[in-house]
Amino acid sequence: MRLVLLLPAALAAAGCAVENDPANDRVLVQYDEQRIEKAADTTGRAAKAVATGAANVAADTARAVKREVGDVDVDVRVTRKREEAQAEERARQQ
């Protein structure tokens, strides 16, 4: 998630040209909008490919688990005993 927050800075850096002129004590920074758009497009395609790959792996894993395990019925009983009920049960057990 942190990488997503750095995305705008990375795209700006990808579309940025820096010229350093130490003789005149100047630094010239130019932003090329086309380069930024191209970098954003490339990043978007890469993110889509990664997401598609992850979805395919998840689907394959789910199919493999279903083949191995099959359908399983699980019965779960959850109860909560209060202190009085626990004390009564301990008294009955003694």
PDB file of N, CA and C in Angstrom:
ATOM      1  N   MET A   1       0.828  -1.193   0.000  1.00  0.00           N
ATOM      2  CA  MET A   1       0.000   0.000   0.000  1.00  0.00           C
ATOM      3  C   MET A   1       0.870   1.253   0.000  1.00  0.00           C
ATOM      4  N   ARG A   2       1.983   1.184   0.701  1.00  0.00           N
ATOM      5  CA  ARG A   2       2.865   2.350   0.746  1.00  0.00           C
ATOM      6  C   ARG A   2       3.411   2.678  -0.632  1.00  0.00           C
ATOM      7  N   LEU A   3       3.613   1.641  -1.441  1.00  0.00           N
ATOM      8  CA  LEU A   3       4.133   1.882  -2.787  1.00  0.00           C
ATOM      9  C   LEU A   3       3.147   2.688  -3.625  1.00  0.00           C
ATOM     10  N   VAL A   4       1.859   2.467  -3.402  1.00  0.00           N
ATOM     11  CA  VAL A   4       0.846   3.215  -4.151  1.00  0.00           C
ATOM     12  C   VAL A   4       0.932   4.695  -3.816  1.00  0.00           C
ATOM     13  N   LEU A   5       1.260   5.004  -2.559  1.00  0.00           N
ATOM     14  CA  LEU A   5       1.371   6.401  -2.161  1.00  0.00           C
ATOM     15  C   LEU A   5       2.581   7.077  -2.803  1.00  0.00           C
ATOM     16  N   LEU A   6       3.590   6.297  -3.162  1.00  0.00           N
ATOM     17  CA  LEU A   6       4.779   6.850  -3.814  1.00  0.00           C
ATOM     18  C   LEU A   6       4.630   6.953  -5.327  1.00  0.00           C
ATOM     19  N   LEU A   7       3.553   6.420  -5.871  1.00  0.00           N
ATOM     20  CA  LEU A   7       3.360   6.398  -7.310  1.00  0.00           C
ATOM     21  C   LEU A   7       3.406   7.777  -7.962  1.00  0.00           C
ATOM     22  N   PRO A   8       2.732   8.801  -7.439  1.00  0.00           N
ATOM     23  CA  PRO A   8       2.809  10.114  -8.096  1.00  0.00           C
ATOM     24  C   PRO A   8       4.232  10.660  -8.166  1.00  0.00           C
ATOM     25  N   ALA A   9       5.008  10.467  -7.107  1.00  0.00           N
ATOM     26  CA  ALA A   9       6.391  10.950  -7.113  1.00  0.00           C
ATOM     27  C   ALA A   9       7.222  10.182  -8.140  1.00  0.00           C
ATOM     28  N   ALA A  10       6.996   8.881  -8.235  1.00  0.00           N
ATOM     29  CA  ALA A  10       7.733   8.077  -9.207  1.00  0.00           C
ATOM     30  C   ALA A  10       7.377   8.483 -10.631  1.00  0.00           C
ATOM     31  N   LEU A  11       6.104   8.746 -10.881  1.00  0.00           N
ATOM     32  CA  LEU A  11       5.687   9.170 -12.223  1.00  0.00           C
ATOM     33  C   LEU A  11       6.252  10.537 -12.566  1.00  0.00           C
ATOM     34  N   ALA A  12       6.284  11.425 -11.583  1.00  0.00           N
ATOM     35  CA  ALA A  12       6.848  12.755 -11.831  1.00  0.00           C
ATOM     36  C   ALA A  12       8.339  12.639 -12.122  1.00  0.00           C
ATOM     37  N   ALA A  13       9.026  11.762 -11.397  1.00  0.00           N
ATOM     38  CA  ALA A  13      10.456  11.573 -11.632  1.00  0.00           C
ATOM     39  C   ALA A  13      10.706  10.963 -13.010  1.00  0.00           C
ATOM     40  N   ALA A  14       9.807  10.087 -13.447  1.00  0.00           N
ATOM     41  CA  ALA A  14       9.968   9.458 -14.765  1.00  0.00           C
ATOM     42  C   ALA A  14       9.821  10.477 -15.890  1.00  0.00           C
ATOM     43  N   GLY A  15       9.034  11.504 -15.680  1.00  0.00           N
ATOM     44  CA  GLY A  15       8.797  12.499 -16.723  1.00  0.00           C
ATOM     45  C   GLY A  15       9.596  13.765 -16.520  1.00  0.00           C
ATOM     46  N   CYS A  16      10.628  13.691 -15.723  1.00  0.00           N
ATOM     47  CA  CYS A  16      11.375  14.877 -15.347  1.00  0.00           C
ATOM     48  C   CYS A  16      12.767  14.848 -15.974  1.00  0.00           C
ATOM     49  N   ALA A  17      13.196  15.969 -16.495  1.00  0.00           N
ATOM     50  CA  ALA A  17      14.556  16.116 -17.010  1.00  0.00           C
ATOM     51  C   ALA A  17      15.244  17.198 -16.185  1.00  0.00           C
ATOM     52  N   VAL A  18      16.392  16.864 -15.606  1.00  0.00           N
ATOM     53  CA  VAL A  18      17.110  17.800 -14.741  1.00  0.00           C
ATOM     54  C   VAL A  18      18.446  18.138 -15.395  1.00  0.00           C
ATOM     55  N   GLU A  19      18.703  19.413 -15.511  1.00  0.00           N
ATOM     56  CA  GLU A  19      19.986  19.882 -16.039  1.00  0.00           C
ATOM     57  C   GLU A  19      20.669  20.700 -14.950  1.00  0.00           C
ATOM     58  N   ASN A  20      21.883  20.310 -14.637  1.00  0.00           N
ATOM     59  CA  ASN A  20      22.644  20.997 -13.602  1.00  0.00           C
ATOM     60  C   ASN A  20      23.722  21.849 -14.270  1.00  0.00           C
ATOM     61  N   ASP A  21      23.749  23.133 -13.943  1.00  0.00           N
ATOM     62  CA  ASP A  21      24.746  24.053 -14.495  1.00  0.00           C
ATOM     63  C   ASP A  21      25.520  24.667 -13.329  1.00  0.00           C
ATOM     64  N   PRO A  22      26.583  23.967 -12.862  1.00  0.00           N
ATOM     65  CA  PRO A  22      27.313  24.477 -11.700  1.00  0.00           C
ATOM     66  C   PRO A  22      28.045  25.790 -11.984  1.00  0.00           C
ATOM     67  N   ALA A  23      28.407  26.041 -13.240  1.00  0.00           N
ATOM     68  CA  ALA A  23      29.111  27.286 -13.563  1.00  0.00           C
ATOM     69  C   ALA A  23      28.244  28.499 -13.282  1.00  0.00           C
ATOM     70  N   ASN A  24      26.953  28.399 -13.567  1.00  0.00           N
ATOM     71  CA  ASN A  24      26.028  29.511 -13.334  1.00  0.00           C
ATOM     72  C   ASN A  24      25.212  29.318 -12.063  1.00  0.00           C
ATOM     73  N   ASP A  25      25.520  28.250 -11.306  1.00  0.00           N
ATOM     74  CA  ASP A  25      24.814  27.940 -10.061  1.00  0.00           C
ATOM     75  C   ASP A  25      23.301  27.839 -10.292  1.00  0.00           C
ATOM     76  N   ARG A  26      22.937  27.012 -11.320  1.00  0.00           N
ATOM     77  CA  ARG A  26      21.529  26.830 -11.686  1.00  0.00           C
ATOM     78  C   ARG A  26      21.221  25.349 -11.835  1.00  0.00           C
ATOM     79  N   VAL A  27      19.981  25.035 -11.576  1.00  0.00           N
ATOM     80  CA  VAL A  27      19.447  23.708 -11.860  1.00  0.00           C
ATOM     81  C   VAL A  27      18.143  23.918 -12.612  1.00  0.00           C
ATOM     82  N   LEU A  28      18.026  23.288 -13.769  1.00  0.00           N
ATOM     83  CA  LEU A  28      16.824  23.422 -14.594  1.00  0.00           C
ATOM     84  C   LEU A  28      16.052  22.102 -14.533  1.00  0.00           C
ATOM     85  N   VAL A  29      14.802  22.186 -14.135  1.00  0.00           N
ATOM     86  CA  VAL A  29      13.947  20.997 -14.057  1.00  0.00           C
ATOM     87  C   VAL A  29      12.795  21.191 -15.028  1.00  0.00           C
ATOM     88  N   GLN A  30      12.634  20.234 -15.944  1.00  0.00           N
ATOM     89  CA  GLN A  30      11.541  20.289 -16.911  1.00  0.00           C
ATOM     90  C   GLN A  30      10.713  19.022 -16.793  1.00  0.00           C
ATOM     91  N   TYR A  31       9.399  19.175 -16.819  1.00  0.00           N
ATOM     92  CA  TYR A  31       8.484  18.041 -16.776  1.00  0.00           C
ATOM     93  C   TYR A  31       7.921  17.805 -18.167  1.00  0.00           C
ATOM     94  N   ASP A  32       8.017  16.577 -18.635  1.00  0.00           N
ATOM     95  CA  ASP A  32       7.496  16.199 -19.942  1.00  0.00           C
ATOM     96  C   ASP A  32       6.198  15.419 -19.712  1.00  0.00           C
ATOM     97  N   GLU A  33       5.081  16.057 -20.027  1.00  0.00           N
ATOM     98  CA  GLU A  33       3.772  15.453 -19.764  1.00  0.00           C
ATOM     99  C   GLU A  33       3.590  14.125 -20.505  1.00  0.00           C
ATOM    100  N   GLN A  34       4.102  14.040 -21.718  1.00  0.00           N
ATOM    101  CA  GLN A  34       3.972  12.789 -22.486  1.00  0.00           C
ATOM    102  C   GLN A  34       4.726  11.653 -21.822  1.00  0.00           C
ATOM    103  N   ARG A  35       5.918  11.943 -21.297  1.00  0.00           N
ATOM    104  CA  ARG A  35       6.677  10.900 -20.602  1.00  0.00           C
ATOM    105  C   ARG A  35       5.952  10.454 -19.343  1.00  0.00           C
ATOM    106  N   ILE A  36       5.338  11.397 -18.622  1.00  0.00           N
ATOM    107  CA  ILE A  36       4.591  11.057 -17.410  1.00  0.00           C
ATOM    108  C   ILE A  36       3.393  10.185 -17.772  1.00  0.00           C
ATOM    109  N   GLU A  37       2.665  10.564 -18.826  1.00  0.00           N
ATOM    110  CA  GLU A  37       1.512   9.765 -19.245  1.00  0.00           C
ATOM    111  C   GLU A  37       1.936   8.370 -19.692  1.00  0.00           C
ATOM    112  N   LYS A  38       3.065   8.291 -20.404  1.00  0.00           N
ATOM    113  CA  LYS A  38       3.566   6.994 -20.850  1.00  0.00           C
ATOM    114  C   LYS A  38       3.957   6.130 -19.647  1.00  0.00           C
ATOM    115  N   ALA A  39       4.620   6.731 -18.673  1.00  0.00           N
ATOM    116  CA  ALA A  39       5.008   5.993 -17.467  1.00  0.00           C
ATOM    117  C   ALA A  39       3.771   5.531 -16.701  1.00  0.00           C
ATOM    118  N   ALA A  40       2.750   6.390 -16.621  1.00  0.00           N
ATOM    119  CA  ALA A  40       1.512   6.012 -15.935  1.00  0.00           C
ATOM    120  C   ALA A  40       0.828   4.866 -16.668  1.00  0.00           C
ATOM    121  N   ASP A  41       0.815   4.918 -17.977  1.00  0.00           N
ATOM    122  CA  ASP A  41       0.202   3.855 -18.781  1.00  0.00           C
ATOM    123  C   ASP A  41       0.943   2.535 -18.584  1.00  0.00           C
ATOM    124  N   THR A  42       2.259   2.602 -18.620  1.00  0.00           N
ATOM    125  CA  THR A  42       3.076   1.401 -18.423  1.00  0.00           C
ATOM    126  C   THR A  42       2.867   0.832 -17.027  1.00  0.00           C
ATOM    127  N   THR A  43       2.821   1.705 -16.038  1.00  0.00           N
ATOM    128  CA  THR A  43       2.597   1.268 -14.660  1.00  0.00           C
ATOM    129  C   THR A  43       1.225   0.640 -14.508  1.00  0.00           C
ATOM    130  N   GLY A  44       0.227   1.232 -15.140  1.00  0.00           N
ATOM    131  CA  GLY A  44      -1.130   0.675 -15.086  1.00  0.00           C
ATOM    132  C   GLY A  44      -1.210  -0.702 -15.722  1.00  0.00           C
ATOM    133  N   ARG A  45      -0.551  -0.870 -16.861  1.00  0.00           N
ATOM    134  CA  ARG A  45      -0.541  -2.184 -17.516  1.00  0.00           C
ATOM    135  C   ARG A  45       0.175  -3.219 -16.648  1.00  0.00           C
ATOM    136  N   ALA A  46       1.278  -2.812 -16.031  1.00  0.00           N
ATOM    137  CA  ALA A  46       2.017  -3.736 -15.167  1.00  0.00           C
ATOM    138  C   ALA A  46       1.178  -4.120 -13.953  1.00  0.00           C
ATOM    139  N   ALA A  47       0.486  -3.156 -13.356  1.00  0.00           N
ATOM    140  CA  ALA A  47      -0.365  -3.449 -12.200  1.00  0.00           C
ATOM    141  C   ALA A  47      -1.501  -4.392 -12.592  1.00  0.00           C
ATOM    142  N   LYS A  48      -2.064  -4.177 -13.777  1.00  0.00           N
ATOM    143  CA  LYS A  48      -3.145  -5.053 -14.243  1.00  0.00           C
ATOM    144  C   LYS A  48      -2.622  -6.474 -14.462  1.00  0.00           C
ATOM    145  N   ALA A  49      -1.425  -6.586 -15.016  1.00  0.00           N
ATOM    146  CA  ALA A  49      -0.836  -7.912 -15.245  1.00  0.00           C
ATOM    147  C   ALA A  49      -0.570  -8.627 -13.920  1.00  0.00           C
ATOM    148  N   VAL A  50      -0.074  -7.895 -12.936  1.00  0.00           N
ATOM    149  CA  VAL A  50       0.187  -8.485 -11.621  1.00  0.00           C
ATOM    150  C   VAL A  50      -1.118  -8.925 -10.974  1.00  0.00           C
ATOM    151  N   ALA A  51      -2.142  -8.081 -11.038  1.00  0.00           N
ATOM    152  CA  ALA A  51      -3.436  -8.425 -10.447  1.00  0.00           C
ATOM    153  C   ALA A  51      -4.056  -9.627 -11.144  1.00  0.00           C
ATOM    154  N   THR A  52      -3.945  -9.678 -12.459  1.00  0.00           N
ATOM    155  CA  THR A  52      -4.473 -10.815 -13.212  1.00  0.00           C
ATOM    156  C   THR A  52      -3.739 -12.094 -12.829  1.00  0.00           C
ATOM    157  N   GLY A  53      -2.424 -12.010 -12.697  1.00  0.00           N
ATOM    158  CA  GLY A  53      -1.635 -13.172 -12.284  1.00  0.00           C
ATOM    159  C   GLY A  53      -2.028 -13.652 -10.900  1.00  0.00           C
ATOM    160  N   ALA A  54      -2.210 -12.724  -9.974  1.00  0.00           N
ATOM    161  CA  ALA A  54      -2.608 -13.092  -8.616  1.00  0.00           C
ATOM    162  C   ALA A  54      -3.997 -13.728  -8.613  1.00  0.00           C
ATOM    163  N   ALA A  55      -4.905 -13.196  -9.411  1.00  0.00           N
ATOM    164  CA  ALA A  55      -6.254 -13.773  -9.494  1.00  0.00           C
ATOM    165  C   ALA A  55      -6.204 -15.175 -10.077  1.00  0.00           C
ATOM    166  N   ASN A  56      -5.370 -15.386 -11.086  1.00  0.00           N
ATOM    167  CA  ASN A  56      -5.245 -16.721 -11.681  1.00  0.00           C
ATOM    168  C   ASN A  56      -4.676 -17.717 -10.680  1.00  0.00           C
ATOM    169  N   VAL A  57      -3.672 -17.306  -9.921  1.00  0.00           N
ATOM    170  CA  VAL A  57      -3.091 -18.187  -8.904  1.00  0.00           C
ATOM    171  C   VAL A  57      -4.130 -18.525  -7.845  1.00  0.00           C
ATOM    172  N   ALA A  58      -4.900 -17.534  -7.415  1.00  0.00           N
ATOM    173  CA  ALA A  58      -5.927 -17.777  -6.410  1.00  0.00           C
ATOM    174  C   ALA A  58      -6.988 -18.742  -6.935  1.00  0.00           C
ATOM    175  N   ALA A  59      -7.402 -18.560  -8.170  1.00  0.00           N
ATOM    176  CA  ALA A  59      -8.413 -19.456  -8.752  1.00  0.00           C
ATOM    177  C   ALA A  59      -7.866 -20.871  -8.895  1.00  0.00           C
ATOM    178  N   ASP A  60      -6.616 -21.012  -9.351  1.00  0.00           N
ATOM    179  CA  ASP A  60      -6.009 -22.339  -9.471  1.00  0.00           C
ATOM    180  C   ASP A  60      -5.879 -23.015  -8.109  1.00  0.00           C
ATOM    181  N   THR A  61      -5.500 -22.245  -7.107  1.00  0.00           N
ATOM    182  CA  THR A  61      -5.370 -22.789  -5.757  1.00  0.00           C
ATOM    183  C   THR A  61      -6.723 -23.237  -5.221  1.00  0.00           C
ATOM    184  N   ALA A  62      -7.742 -22.441  -5.461  1.00  0.00           N
ATOM    185  CA  ALA A  62      -9.083 -22.808  -4.997  1.00  0.00           C
ATOM    186  C   ALA A  62      -9.553 -24.100  -5.663  1.00  0.00           C
ATOM    187  N   ARG A  63      -9.296 -24.221  -6.959  1.00  0.00           N
ATOM    188  CA  ARG A  63      -9.677 -25.466  -7.658  1.00  0.00           C
ATOM    189  C   ARG A  63      -8.913 -26.666  -7.098  1.00  0.00           C
ATOM    190  N   ALA A  64      -7.621 -26.493  -6.838  1.00  0.00           N
ATOM    191  CA  ALA A  64      -6.803 -27.591  -6.307  1.00  0.00           C
ATOM    192  C   ALA A  64      -7.292 -28.000  -4.920  1.00  0.00           C
ATOM    193  N   VAL A  65      -7.626 -27.041  -4.084  1.00  0.00           N
ATOM    194  CA  VAL A  65      -8.130 -27.351  -2.740  1.00  0.00           C
ATOM    195  C   VAL A  65      -9.466 -28.066  -2.836  1.00  0.00           C
ATOM    196  N   LYS A  66     -10.339 -27.602  -3.714  1.00  0.00           N
ATOM    197  CA  LYS A  66     -11.642 -28.242  -3.855  1.00  0.00           C
ATOM    198  C   LYS A  66     -11.484 -29.680  -4.356  1.00  0.00           C
ATOM    199  N   ARG A  67     -10.561 -29.910  -5.300  1.00  0.00           N
ATOM    200  CA  ARG A  67     -10.326 -31.277  -5.774  1.00  0.00           C
ATOM    201  C   ARG A  67      -9.790 -32.166  -4.649  1.00  0.00           C
ATOM    202  N   GLU A  68      -8.887 -31.622  -3.853  1.00  0.00           N
ATOM    203  CA  GLU A  68      -8.248 -32.413  -2.790  1.00  0.00           C
ATOM    204  C   GLU A  68      -9.192 -32.661  -1.621  1.00  0.00           C
ATOM    205  N   VAL A  69      -9.899 -31.637  -1.205  1.00  0.00           N
ATOM    206  CA  VAL A  69     -10.731 -31.734  -0.003  1.00  0.00           C
ATOM    207  C   VAL A  69     -12.167 -32.094  -0.341  1.00  0.00           C
ATOM    208  N   GLY A  70     -12.667 -31.544  -1.404  1.00  0.00           N
ATOM    209  CA  GLY A  70     -14.072 -31.757  -1.745  1.00  0.00           C
ATOM    210  C   GLY A  70     -14.970 -30.878  -0.894  1.00  0.00           C
ATOM    211  N   ASP A  71     -16.222 -31.254  -0.833  1.00  0.00           N
ATOM    212  CA  ASP A  71     -17.168 -30.523   0.002  1.00  0.00           C
ATOM    213  C   ASP A  71     -17.159 -31.130   1.396  1.00  0.00           C
ATOM    214  N   VAL A  72     -16.978 -30.314   2.389  1.00  0.00           N
ATOM    215  CA  VAL A  72     -16.920 -30.778   3.767  1.00  0.00           C
ATOM    216  C   VAL A  72     -17.998 -30.044   4.551  1.00  0.00           C
ATOM    217  N   ASP A  73     -18.797 -30.818   5.287  1.00  0.00           N
ATOM    218  CA  ASP A  73     -19.778 -30.219   6.177  1.00  0.00           C
ATOM    219  C   ASP A  73     -19.146 -30.083   7.552  1.00  0.00           C
ATOM    220  N   VAL A  74     -19.239 -28.905   8.101  1.00  0.00           N
ATOM    221  CA  VAL A  74     -18.670 -28.647   9.419  1.00  0.00           C
ATOM    222  C   VAL A  74     -19.781 -28.154  10.317  1.00  0.00           C
ATOM    223  N   ASP A  75     -19.948 -28.836  11.433  1.00  0.00           N
ATOM    224  CA  ASP A  75     -20.917 -28.414  12.440  1.00  0.00           C
ATOM    225  C   ASP A  75     -20.154 -27.797  13.598  1.00  0.00           C
ATOM    226  N   VAL A  76     -20.502 -26.587  13.936  1.00  0.00           N
ATOM    227  CA  VAL A  76     -19.822 -25.897  15.023  1.00  0.00           C
ATOM    228  C   VAL A  76     -20.871 -25.481  16.037  1.00  0.00           C
ATOM    229  N   ARG A  77     -20.595 -25.807  17.291  1.00  0.00           N
ATOM    230  CA  ARG A  77     -21.496 -25.408  18.370  1.00  0.00           C
ATOM    231  C   ARG A  77     -20.720 -24.473  19.271  1.00  0.00           C
ATOM    232  N   VAL A  78     -21.216 -23.278  19.394  1.00  0.00           N
ATOM    233  CA  VAL A  78     -20.560 -22.289  20.224  1.00  0.00           C
ATOM    234  C   VAL A  78     -21.517 -21.915  21.342  1.00  0.00           C
ATOM    235  N   THR A  79     -21.054 -22.060  22.574  1.00  0.00           N
ATOM    236  CA  THR A  79     -21.872 -21.669  23.716  1.00  0.00           C
ATOM    237  C   THR A  79     -21.048 -20.773  24.618  1.00  0.00           C
ATOM    238  N   ARG A  80     -21.743 -19.994  25.393  1.00  0.00           N
ATOM    239  CA  ARG A  80     -21.082 -19.117  26.348  1.00  0.00           C
ATOM    240  C   ARG A  80     -21.686 -19.389  27.701  1.00  0.00           C
ATOM    241  N   LYS A  81     -20.848 -19.780  28.621  1.00  0.00           N
ATOM    242  CA  LYS A  81     -21.330 -20.089  29.964  1.00  0.00           C
ATOM    243  C   LYS A  81     -20.972 -18.929  30.880  1.00  0.00           C
ATOM    244  N   ARG A  82     -21.946 -18.498  31.628  1.00  0.00           N
ATOM    245  CA  ARG A  82     -21.726 -17.438  32.599  1.00  0.00           C
ATOM    246  C   ARG A  82     -21.112 -18.037  33.861  1.00  0.00           C
ATOM    247  N   GLU A  83     -20.625 -17.181  34.743  1.00  0.00           N
ATOM    248  CA  GLU A  83     -19.959 -17.660  35.951  1.00  0.00           C
ATOM    249  C   GLU A  83     -20.891 -18.504  36.813  1.00  0.00           C
ATOM    250  N   GLU A  84     -22.159 -18.089  36.926  1.00  0.00           N
ATOM    251  CA  GLU A  84     -23.099 -18.866  37.749  1.00  0.00           C
ATOM    252  C   GLU A  84     -23.296 -20.262  37.154  1.00  0.00           C
ATOM    253  N   ALA A  85     -23.425 -20.307  35.836  1.00  0.00           N
ATOM    254  CA  ALA A  85     -23.629 -21.589  35.178  1.00  0.00           C
ATOM    255  C   ALA A  85     -22.388 -22.455  35.333  1.00  0.00           C
ATOM    256  N   GLN A  86     -21.213 -21.855  35.276  1.00  0.00           N
ATOM    257  CA  GLN A  86     -19.989 -22.623  35.472  1.00  0.00           C
ATOM    258  C   GLN A  86     -19.905 -23.140  36.904  1.00  0.00           C
ATOM    259  N   ALA A  87     -20.278 -22.318  37.873  1.00  0.00           N
ATOM    260  CA  ALA A  87     -20.256 -22.744  39.272  1.00  0.00           C
ATOM    261  C   ALA A  87     -21.234 -23.888  39.490  1.00  0.00           C
ATOM    262  N   GLU A  88     -22.420 -23.796  38.907  1.00  0.00           N
ATOM    263  CA  GLU A  88     -23.428 -24.872  39.024  1.00  0.00           C
ATOM    264  C   GLU A  88     -22.900 -26.150  38.400  1.00  0.00           C
ATOM    265  N   GLU A  89     -22.259 -26.041  37.260  1.00  0.00           N
ATOM    266  CA  GLU A  89     -21.737 -27.232  36.585  1.00  0.00           C
ATOM    267  C   GLU A  89     -20.618 -27.867  37.403  1.00  0.00           C
ATOM    268  N   ARG A  90     -19.763 -27.040  38.021  1.00  0.00           N
ATOM    269  CA  ARG A  90     -18.699 -27.588  38.859  1.00  0.00           C
ATOM    270  C   ARG A  90     -19.305 -28.293  40.068  1.00  0.00           C
ATOM    271  N   ALA A  91     -20.361 -27.717  40.639  1.00  0.00           N
ATOM    272  CA  ALA A  91     -21.013 -28.325  41.809  1.00  0.00           C
ATOM    273  C   ALA A  91     -21.622 -29.666  41.420  1.00  0.00           C
ATOM    274  N   ARG A  92     -22.207 -29.748  40.225  1.00  0.00           N
ATOM    275  CA  ARG A  92     -22.786 -31.017  39.764  1.00  0.00           C
ATOM    276  C   ARG A  92     -21.705 -32.079  39.525  1.00  0.00           C
ATOM    277  N   GLN A  93     -20.547 -31.642  39.074  1.00  0.00           N
ATOM    278  CA  GLN A  93     -19.483 -32.593  38.774  1.00  0.00           C
ATOM    279  C   GLN A  93     -18.830 -33.142  40.041  1.00  0.00           C
ATOM    280  N   GLN A  94     -18.942 -32.438  41.150  1.00  0.00           N
ATOM    281  CA  GLN A  94     -18.312 -32.905  42.400  1.00  0.00           C
ATOM    282  C   GLN A  94     -19.154 -33.864  43.113  1.00  0.00           C
TER     283      GLN A  94
END
